[in-house]
Protein backbone atom coordinates (compact mmCIF):
# COMPACT_ATOMS: atom_id res chain seq x y z
CA UNK A 1 0.00 0.00 0.00
CA UNK A 2 1.55 3.28 -1.08
CA UNK A 3 1.60 5.92 1.61
CA UNK A 4 3.14 9.27 2.26
CA UNK A 5 5.78 9.00 4.95
CA UNK A 6 4.99 10.94 8.12
CA UNK A 7 7.59 12.99 9.99
CA UNK A 8 7.96 10.05 12.40
CA UNK A 9 8.55 7.68 9.47
CA UNK A 10 11.15 10.04 7.99
CA UNK A 11 12.91 10.35 11.35
CA UNK A 12 13.08 6.55 11.63
CA UNK A 13 14.30 6.19 8.04
CA UNK A 14 17.04 8.74 8.62
CA UNK A 15 18.00 6.98 11.87
CA UNK A 16 18.37 3.70 9.97
CA UNK A 17 20.02 5.28 6.93
CA UNK A 18 21.66 8.58 7.87
CA UNK A 19 23.22 8.67 4.42
CA UNK A 20 19.74 9.03 2.90
CA UNK A 21 20.05 12.53 1.44
CA UNK A 22 16.53 12.71 0.12
CA UNK A 23 13.55 10.41 0.06
CA UNK A 24 13.82 9.41 -3.59
CA UNK A 25 14.66 5.97 -4.93
CA UNK A 26 17.73 6.30 -7.10
CA UNK A 27 16.56 3.51 -9.41
CA UNK A 28 13.01 4.64 -10.11
CA UNK A 29 13.12 8.31 -9.19
CA UNK A 30 9.98 7.87 -7.10
CA UNK A 31 9.59 8.91 -3.48
CA UNK A 32 9.98 6.18 -0.86
CA UNK A 33 6.64 4.95 0.48
CA UNK A 34 7.95 2.74 3.28
CA UNK A 35 10.83 2.53 5.74
CA UNK A 36 12.22 -1.01 5.64
CA UNK A 37 12.41 -1.78 1.89
CA UNK A 38 14.66 1.21 1.12
CA UNK A 39 16.93 0.33 4.04
CA UNK A 40 17.11 -3.29 2.90
CA UNK A 41 17.51 -2.59 -0.81
CA UNK A 42 19.29 0.74 -1.09
CA UNK A 43 21.35 1.35 2.04
CA UNK A 44 22.24 -1.87 3.91
CA UNK A 45 25.26 -3.59 2.40
CA UNK A 46 24.23 -7.05 3.62
CA UNK A 47 22.11 -8.82 6.23
CA UNK A 48 24.55 -8.01 9.05
CA UNK A 49 24.45 -4.33 8.15
CA UNK A 50 20.64 -4.40 8.01
CA UNK A 51 20.53 -6.09 11.44
CA UNK A 52 22.88 -3.45 12.89
CA UNK A 53 20.74 -0.67 11.44
CA UNK A 54 17.43 -1.95 12.78
CA UNK A 55 19.13 -2.61 16.11
CA UNK A 56 19.34 1.19 16.46
CA UNK A 57 15.57 1.38 16.86
CA UNK A 58 14.08 2.02 20.27
CA UNK A 59 11.46 -0.45 21.48
CA UNK A 60 8.80 2.19 20.77
CA UNK A 61 10.04 2.63 17.19
CA UNK A 62 10.21 -1.13 16.69
CA UNK A 63 6.66 -1.49 17.99
CA UNK A 64 5.54 1.34 15.69
CA UNK A 65 7.04 -0.37 12.64
CA UNK A 66 5.56 -3.72 13.71
CA UNK A 67 2.12 -2.17 13.96
CA UNK A 68 2.54 -0.55 10.53
CA UNK A 69 3.48 -3.96 9.10
CA UNK A 70 0.38 -5.55 10.62
CA UNK A 71 -1.89 -2.79 9.33
CA UNK A 72 -0.41 -3.17 5.84
CA UNK A 73 1.03 0.35 5.83
CA UNK A 74 4.66 -0.85 5.96
CA UNK A 75 5.43 -3.26 3.16
CA UNK A 76 7.82 -6.16 3.54
CA UNK A 77 7.35 -7.56 0.05
CA UNK A 78 10.68 -6.16 -1.18
CA UNK A 79 12.68 -6.90 1.95
CA UNK A 80 15.26 -9.65 1.47
CA UNK A 81 14.50 -12.90 3.30
CA UNK A 82 17.59 -12.63 5.51
CA UNK A 83 16.65 -9.04 6.42
CA UNK A 84 13.09 -10.06 7.28
CA UNK A 85 14.52 -12.84 9.46
CA UNK A 86 16.73 -10.32 11.29
CA UNK A 87 13.71 -8.06 11.84
CA UNK A 88 11.58 -10.90 13.18
CA UNK A 89 14.36 -12.00 15.54
CA UNK A 90 14.70 -8.46 16.86
CA UNK A 91 10.93 -8.17 17.35
CA UNK A 92 10.90 -11.57 19.08
CA UNK A 93 13.73 -10.63 21.43
CA UNK A 94 12.72 -7.06 22.23
CA UNK A 95 8.95 -6.83 21.77
CA UNK A 96 7.34 -10.27 22.05
CA UNK A 97 7.24 -13.71 20.46
CA UNK A 98 3.56 -13.12 19.65
CA UNK A 99 4.31 -9.95 17.69
CA UNK A 100 7.12 -11.76 15.87
CA UNK A 101 4.68 -14.50 14.80
CA UNK A 102 2.25 -11.89 13.47
CA UNK A 103 5.00 -10.15 11.52
CA UNK A 104 6.13 -13.50 10.05
CA UNK A 105 2.56 -14.17 8.96
CA UNK A 106 2.34 -10.72 7.35
CA UNK A 107 5.66 -11.29 5.55
CA UNK A 108 4.63 -14.75 4.33
CA UNK A 109 1.28 -13.49 3.08
CA UNK A 110 3.22 -11.31 0.67
CA UNK A 111 2.06 -7.98 -0.48
CA UNK A 112 3.09 -5.41 -2.97
CA UNK A 113 6.57 -4.09 -3.13
CA UNK A 114 6.76 -0.54 -1.71
CA UNK A 115 10.09 1.22 -1.78
C-alpha atoms as a PDB file:
ATOM      1  CA  UNK A   1       0.000   0.000   0.000  1.00  0.00           C
ATOM      2  CA  UNK A   2       1.552   3.281  -1.081  1.00  0.00           C
ATOM      3  CA  UNK A   3       1.595   5.917   1.610  1.00  0.00           C
ATOM      4  CA  UNK A   4       3.136   9.271   2.262  1.00  0.00           C
ATOM      5  CA  UNK A   5       5.777   9.004   4.955  1.00  0.00           C
ATOM      6  CA  UNK A   6       4.994  10.940   8.117  1.00  0.00           C
ATOM      7  CA  UNK A   7       7.585  12.990   9.989  1.00  0.00           C
ATOM      8  CA  UNK A   8       7.956  10.051  12.398  1.00  0.00           C
ATOM      9  CA  UNK A   9       8.553   7.683   9.471  1.00  0.00           C
ATOM     10  CA  UNK A  10      11.146  10.044   7.988  1.00  0.00           C
ATOM     11  CA  UNK A  11      12.909  10.353  11.349  1.00  0.00           C
ATOM     12  CA  UNK A  12      13.082   6.551  11.625  1.00  0.00           C
ATOM     13  CA  UNK A  13      14.296   6.187   8.037  1.00  0.00           C
ATOM     14  CA  UNK A  14      17.036   8.743   8.622  1.00  0.00           C
ATOM     15  CA  UNK A  15      18.004   6.981  11.873  1.00  0.00           C
ATOM     16  CA  UNK A  16      18.368   3.704   9.969  1.00  0.00           C
ATOM     17  CA  UNK A  17      20.017   5.280   6.929  1.00  0.00           C
ATOM     18  CA  UNK A  18      21.661   8.584   7.867  1.00  0.00           C
ATOM     19  CA  UNK A  19      23.221   8.668   4.419  1.00  0.00           C
ATOM     20  CA  UNK A  20      19.741   9.031   2.899  1.00  0.00           C
ATOM     21  CA  UNK A  21      20.046  12.526   1.445  1.00  0.00           C
ATOM     22  CA  UNK A  22      16.532  12.710   0.115  1.00  0.00           C
ATOM     23  CA  UNK A  23      13.548  10.408   0.058  1.00  0.00           C
ATOM     24  CA  UNK A  24      13.815   9.411  -3.585  1.00  0.00           C
ATOM     25  CA  UNK A  25      14.661   5.972  -4.925  1.00  0.00           C
ATOM     26  CA  UNK A  26      17.733   6.302  -7.104  1.00  0.00           C
ATOM     27  CA  UNK A  27      16.559   3.510  -9.406  1.00  0.00           C
ATOM     28  CA  UNK A  28      13.013   4.642 -10.106  1.00  0.00           C
ATOM     29  CA  UNK A  29      13.123   8.313  -9.191  1.00  0.00           C
ATOM     30  CA  UNK A  30       9.979   7.867  -7.097  1.00  0.00           C
ATOM     31  CA  UNK A  31       9.588   8.908  -3.476  1.00  0.00           C
ATOM     32  CA  UNK A  32       9.984   6.181  -0.860  1.00  0.00           C
ATOM     33  CA  UNK A  33       6.641   4.952   0.483  1.00  0.00           C
ATOM     34  CA  UNK A  34       7.946   2.740   3.279  1.00  0.00           C
ATOM     35  CA  UNK A  35      10.828   2.526   5.736  1.00  0.00           C
ATOM     36  CA  UNK A  36      12.217  -1.012   5.636  1.00  0.00           C
ATOM     37  CA  UNK A  37      12.410  -1.778   1.890  1.00  0.00           C
ATOM     38  CA  UNK A  38      14.655   1.214   1.122  1.00  0.00           C
ATOM     39  CA  UNK A  39      16.932   0.335   4.036  1.00  0.00           C
ATOM     40  CA  UNK A  40      17.106  -3.295   2.898  1.00  0.00           C
ATOM     41  CA  UNK A  41      17.513  -2.592  -0.813  1.00  0.00           C
ATOM     42  CA  UNK A  42      19.291   0.744  -1.086  1.00  0.00           C
ATOM     43  CA  UNK A  43      21.348   1.348   2.044  1.00  0.00           C
ATOM     44  CA  UNK A  44      22.237  -1.866   3.907  1.00  0.00           C
ATOM     45  CA  UNK A  45      25.258  -3.591   2.400  1.00  0.00           C
ATOM     46  CA  UNK A  46      24.228  -7.050   3.624  1.00  0.00           C
ATOM     47  CA  UNK A  47      22.106  -8.822   6.230  1.00  0.00           C
ATOM     48  CA  UNK A  48      24.546  -8.009   9.051  1.00  0.00           C
ATOM     49  CA  UNK A  49      24.453  -4.326   8.145  1.00  0.00           C
ATOM     50  CA  UNK A  50      20.638  -4.396   8.014  1.00  0.00           C
ATOM     51  CA  UNK A  51      20.528  -6.089  11.444  1.00  0.00           C
ATOM     52  CA  UNK A  52      22.876  -3.451  12.885  1.00  0.00           C
ATOM     53  CA  UNK A  53      20.744  -0.669  11.437  1.00  0.00           C
ATOM     54  CA  UNK A  54      17.428  -1.950  12.782  1.00  0.00           C
ATOM     55  CA  UNK A  55      19.131  -2.610  16.113  1.00  0.00           C
ATOM     56  CA  UNK A  56      19.335   1.194  16.464  1.00  0.00           C
ATOM     57  CA  UNK A  57      15.567   1.383  16.862  1.00  0.00           C
ATOM     58  CA  UNK A  58      14.083   2.019  20.268  1.00  0.00           C
ATOM     59  CA  UNK A  59      11.463  -0.451  21.480  1.00  0.00           C
ATOM     60  CA  UNK A  60       8.800   2.185  20.773  1.00  0.00           C
ATOM     61  CA  UNK A  61      10.036   2.634  17.193  1.00  0.00           C
ATOM     62  CA  UNK A  62      10.213  -1.132  16.694  1.00  0.00           C
ATOM     63  CA  UNK A  63       6.663  -1.494  17.990  1.00  0.00           C
ATOM     64  CA  UNK A  64       5.540   1.340  15.691  1.00  0.00           C
ATOM     65  CA  UNK A  65       7.036  -0.374  12.644  1.00  0.00           C
ATOM     66  CA  UNK A  66       5.565  -3.725  13.705  1.00  0.00           C
ATOM     67  CA  UNK A  67       2.115  -2.169  13.961  1.00  0.00           C
ATOM     68  CA  UNK A  68       2.544  -0.546  10.528  1.00  0.00           C
ATOM     69  CA  UNK A  69       3.480  -3.957   9.098  1.00  0.00           C
ATOM     70  CA  UNK A  70       0.384  -5.552  10.617  1.00  0.00           C
ATOM     71  CA  UNK A  71      -1.888  -2.791   9.329  1.00  0.00           C
ATOM     72  CA  UNK A  72      -0.407  -3.168   5.843  1.00  0.00           C
ATOM     73  CA  UNK A  73       1.030   0.345   5.832  1.00  0.00           C
ATOM     74  CA  UNK A  74       4.659  -0.846   5.961  1.00  0.00           C
ATOM     75  CA  UNK A  75       5.432  -3.263   3.165  1.00  0.00           C
ATOM     76  CA  UNK A  76       7.819  -6.164   3.544  1.00  0.00           C
ATOM     77  CA  UNK A  77       7.346  -7.557   0.047  1.00  0.00           C
ATOM     78  CA  UNK A  78      10.682  -6.164  -1.182  1.00  0.00           C
ATOM     79  CA  UNK A  79      12.683  -6.904   1.945  1.00  0.00           C
ATOM     80  CA  UNK A  80      15.260  -9.652   1.467  1.00  0.00           C
ATOM     81  CA  UNK A  81      14.497 -12.899   3.299  1.00  0.00           C
ATOM     82  CA  UNK A  82      17.589 -12.626   5.513  1.00  0.00           C
ATOM     83  CA  UNK A  83      16.648  -9.041   6.419  1.00  0.00           C
ATOM     84  CA  UNK A  84      13.087 -10.063   7.276  1.00  0.00           C
ATOM     85  CA  UNK A  85      14.518 -12.841   9.458  1.00  0.00           C
ATOM     86  CA  UNK A  86      16.727 -10.323  11.295  1.00  0.00           C
ATOM     87  CA  UNK A  87      13.708  -8.058  11.836  1.00  0.00           C
ATOM     88  CA  UNK A  88      11.579 -10.901  13.178  1.00  0.00           C
ATOM     89  CA  UNK A  89      14.361 -12.004  15.543  1.00  0.00           C
ATOM     90  CA  UNK A  90      14.696  -8.459  16.861  1.00  0.00           C
ATOM     91  CA  UNK A  91      10.927  -8.174  17.351  1.00  0.00           C
ATOM     92  CA  UNK A  92      10.898 -11.572  19.081  1.00  0.00           C
ATOM     93  CA  UNK A  93      13.733 -10.631  21.429  1.00  0.00           C
ATOM     94  CA  UNK A  94      12.721  -7.057  22.229  1.00  0.00           C
ATOM     95  CA  UNK A  95       8.947  -6.825  21.773  1.00  0.00           C
ATOM     96  CA  UNK A  96       7.341 -10.270  22.048  1.00  0.00           C
ATOM     97  CA  UNK A  97       7.239 -13.713  20.461  1.00  0.00           C
ATOM     98  CA  UNK A  98       3.562 -13.124  19.649  1.00  0.00           C
ATOM     99  CA  UNK A  99       4.307  -9.948  17.695  1.00  0.00           C
ATOM    100  CA  UNK A 100       7.117 -11.764  15.874  1.00  0.00           C
ATOM    101  CA  UNK A 101       4.676 -14.501  14.798  1.00  0.00           C
ATOM    102  CA  UNK A 102       2.246 -11.887  13.474  1.00  0.00           C
ATOM    103  CA  UNK A 103       5.003 -10.149  11.517  1.00  0.00           C
ATOM    104  CA  UNK A 104       6.134 -13.503  10.054  1.00  0.00           C
ATOM    105  CA  UNK A 105       2.558 -14.169   8.959  1.00  0.00           C
ATOM    106  CA  UNK A 106       2.345 -10.721   7.349  1.00  0.00           C
ATOM    107  CA  UNK A 107       5.661 -11.286   5.546  1.00  0.00           C
ATOM    108  CA  UNK A 108       4.634 -14.747   4.328  1.00  0.00           C
ATOM    109  CA  UNK A 109       1.283 -13.487   3.081  1.00  0.00           C
ATOM    110  CA  UNK A 110       3.219 -11.311   0.674  1.00  0.00           C
ATOM    111  CA  UNK A 111       2.057  -7.979  -0.478  1.00  0.00           C
ATOM    112  CA  UNK A 112       3.091  -5.412  -2.970  1.00  0.00           C
ATOM    113  CA  UNK A 113       6.575  -4.091  -3.126  1.00  0.00           C
ATOM    114  CA  UNK A 114       6.764  -0.536  -1.710  1.00  0.00           C
ATOM    115  CA  UNK A 115      10.090   1.222  -1.775  1.00  0.00           C
END
